[in-house]
Protein backbone atom coordinates (compact mmCIF):
# COMPACT_ATOMS: atom_id res chain seq x y z
CA UNK A 1 84.85 94.33 87.47
CA UNK A 2 86.44 93.73 90.86
CA UNK A 3 90.18 94.14 91.34
CA UNK A 4 90.48 91.22 93.75
CA UNK A 5 87.90 88.78 92.41
CA UNK A 6 88.86 89.29 88.75
CA UNK A 7 92.64 89.62 89.19
CA UNK A 8 93.53 86.71 86.88
CA UNK A 9 91.30 88.11 84.11
CA UNK A 10 92.73 91.60 84.63
CA UNK A 11 96.30 90.30 84.37
CA UNK A 12 95.51 88.38 81.21
CA UNK A 13 93.65 91.27 79.55
CA UNK A 14 96.39 93.71 80.53
CA UNK A 15 99.12 91.48 79.09
CA UNK A 16 97.21 90.94 75.84
CA UNK A 17 96.53 94.65 75.35
CA UNK A 18 100.08 95.65 76.28
CA UNK A 19 101.49 93.10 73.86
CA UNK A 20 99.29 94.45 71.05
CA UNK A 21 99.91 98.15 71.72
CA UNK A 22 103.46 97.95 73.10
CA UNK A 23 102.72 100.70 75.62
CA UNK A 24 100.14 102.07 77.97
CA UNK A 25 99.34 105.56 79.22
CA UNK A 26 99.63 106.94 82.73
CA UNK A 27 97.31 109.80 83.58
CA UNK A 28 98.16 112.25 86.36
CA UNK A 29 97.00 115.67 87.56
CA UNK A 30 99.42 118.53 88.11
CA UNK A 31 99.53 121.13 90.85
CA UNK A 32 97.69 123.48 88.47
CA UNK A 33 94.80 121.00 88.25
CA UNK A 34 95.47 120.14 84.62
CA UNK A 35 95.52 116.51 83.53
CA UNK A 36 98.56 115.01 81.83
CA UNK A 37 98.91 111.69 79.99
CA UNK A 38 102.28 110.03 79.46
CA UNK A 39 102.93 106.98 77.26
CA UNK A 40 105.04 104.37 79.06
CA UNK A 41 106.48 101.36 77.27
CA UNK A 42 107.70 99.19 80.09
CA UNK A 43 104.98 98.42 82.61
CA UNK A 44 104.92 95.12 84.47
CA UNK A 45 102.22 93.48 86.58
CA UNK A 46 102.83 91.56 89.77
CA UNK A 47 100.63 88.95 91.44
CA UNK A 48 100.11 91.18 94.51
CA UNK A 49 97.94 93.68 92.61
CA UNK A 50 100.74 96.13 92.00
CA UNK A 51 102.44 97.36 88.86
CA UNK A 52 105.85 98.81 88.32
CA UNK A 53 107.14 100.83 85.43
CA UNK A 54 110.49 102.10 84.25
CA UNK A 55 110.69 105.85 84.51
CA UNK A 56 113.40 107.36 82.36
CA UNK A 57 112.32 110.24 80.17
CA UNK A 58 109.19 111.57 81.78
CA UNK A 59 109.63 114.98 83.35
CA UNK A 60 105.99 115.77 84.09
CA UNK A 61 105.07 112.61 86.01
CA UNK A 62 107.55 113.17 88.88
CA UNK A 63 106.45 116.81 89.14
CA UNK A 64 102.79 115.83 89.31
CA UNK A 65 103.52 113.20 91.96
CA UNK A 66 104.73 115.96 94.28
CA UNK A 67 101.14 117.13 94.74
CA UNK A 68 99.01 114.12 93.77
CA UNK A 69 100.12 110.47 93.76
CA UNK A 70 96.90 109.13 92.25
CA UNK A 71 97.26 107.71 88.75
CA UNK A 72 95.19 106.05 86.07
CA UNK A 73 97.00 103.52 83.90
CA UNK A 74 95.15 102.81 80.68
CA UNK A 75 95.98 100.04 78.26
CA UNK A 76 94.08 99.45 75.01
CA UNK A 77 94.21 96.43 72.76
CA UNK A 78 94.91 98.12 69.43
CA UNK A 79 95.64 94.90 67.58
CA UNK A 80 94.13 95.03 64.06
CA UNK A 81 92.91 91.42 64.19
CA UNK A 82 91.24 92.04 67.57
CA UNK A 83 89.30 94.99 66.18
CA UNK A 84 88.52 93.46 62.79
CA UNK A 85 87.16 90.33 64.46
CA UNK A 86 85.02 92.44 66.81
CA UNK A 87 83.67 94.54 63.96
CA UNK A 88 82.84 91.50 61.82
CA UNK A 89 81.21 89.56 64.67
CA UNK A 90 79.55 92.60 66.25
CA UNK A 91 81.01 91.78 69.65
CA UNK A 92 84.32 91.86 71.47
CA UNK A 93 85.85 88.53 72.46
CA UNK A 94 87.41 90.26 75.48
CA UNK A 95 87.73 93.73 76.95
CA UNK A 96 89.14 96.28 74.48
CA UNK A 97 90.99 98.05 77.26
CA UNK A 98 91.37 98.62 80.98
CA UNK A 99 91.76 101.59 83.29
CA UNK A 100 93.67 100.73 86.45
CA UNK A 101 93.52 103.21 89.31
CA UNK A 102 96.16 103.41 91.97
CA UNK A 103 98.74 105.31 93.94
CA UNK A 104 102.35 105.65 92.84
CA UNK A 105 105.34 105.15 95.11
CA UNK A 106 108.75 106.77 95.29
CA UNK A 107 111.29 106.33 92.52
CA UNK A 108 113.79 103.60 93.30
CA UNK A 109 116.54 101.55 91.73
CA UNK A 110 115.25 98.55 89.76
CA UNK A 111 115.96 95.14 91.24
CA UNK A 112 117.90 92.46 89.38
CA UNK A 113 114.62 90.61 88.77
CA UNK A 114 112.98 93.74 87.33
CA UNK A 115 115.96 94.40 85.07
CA UNK A 116 115.79 90.79 83.85
CA UNK A 117 112.08 91.23 83.01
CA UNK A 118 112.96 94.39 81.09
CA UNK A 119 115.70 92.61 79.11
CA UNK A 120 113.29 89.80 78.30
CA UNK A 121 110.63 92.24 77.07
CA UNK A 122 113.15 94.06 74.86
CA UNK A 123 114.39 90.71 73.53
CA UNK A 124 116.32 90.66 70.26
CA UNK A 125 115.54 94.33 69.60
CA UNK A 126 118.33 95.19 72.05
CA UNK A 127 120.84 94.81 69.23
CA UNK A 128 119.31 97.59 67.14
CA UNK A 129 120.90 101.03 67.18
CA UNK A 130 117.69 102.84 68.11
CA UNK A 131 116.91 100.38 70.87
CA UNK A 132 120.29 100.95 72.46
CA UNK A 133 119.78 104.72 72.26
CA UNK A 134 116.37 104.82 73.89
CA UNK A 135 116.42 101.81 76.21
CA UNK A 136 119.93 101.70 77.59
CA UNK A 137 120.23 103.07 81.09
CA UNK A 138 116.70 102.21 82.20
CA UNK A 139 117.29 101.70 85.91
CA UNK A 140 114.66 103.66 87.81
CA UNK A 141 111.25 102.20 88.57
CA UNK A 142 108.13 103.24 90.44
CA UNK A 143 105.57 100.95 91.99
CA UNK A 144 101.85 101.52 91.63
CA UNK A 145 99.58 100.04 94.30
CA UNK A 146 96.30 99.38 92.53
CA UNK A 147 93.00 100.35 94.13
CA UNK A 148 90.47 99.79 91.37
CA UNK A 149 89.81 98.79 87.78
CA UNK A 150 87.35 99.81 85.12
CA UNK A 151 87.10 98.22 81.68
CA UNK A 152 86.87 100.36 78.56
CA UNK A 153 83.25 99.96 77.52
CA UNK A 154 81.40 99.63 74.27
CA UNK A 155 78.20 98.25 75.85
CA UNK A 156 76.39 97.10 72.72
CA UNK A 157 79.37 95.00 71.68
CA UNK A 158 80.31 93.61 75.08
CA UNK A 159 77.14 92.96 77.03
CA UNK A 160 78.28 89.34 77.45
CA UNK A 161 81.45 90.56 79.23
CA UNK A 162 79.84 92.96 81.72
């Protein structure tokens, strides 16, 4: 899979998987060489082959970025109907997940457009007590400039996709 040639497919697959799972994971490596994976709920794709995510609670990611700005963002379609259909048919209709490789930028204040996208994603849940507790005050974002992509592979069930 090629980041530039397959960008429209990547965007579509990413959106579908993110919608099904409601989050993705960002993998980093710390100064001690140990890997660390952080679940992130609000990740957004742009047309220019970049992502941005809202960084609120993570303590380890910013520390790891001090020594290594390379990241792997992984999203998996965990939708039950997606998997049941694949298991019944013996093949995936689309990629079960993606790994996106890139370099993270500095933390910055979210733009009005980014905050509007966040509000839209939260939707009517914003009125719930728990939603207000965990999602109010999300204002800081980081950009990720993508450099590569790799689909999650189950070769015998996705030969037609590779």
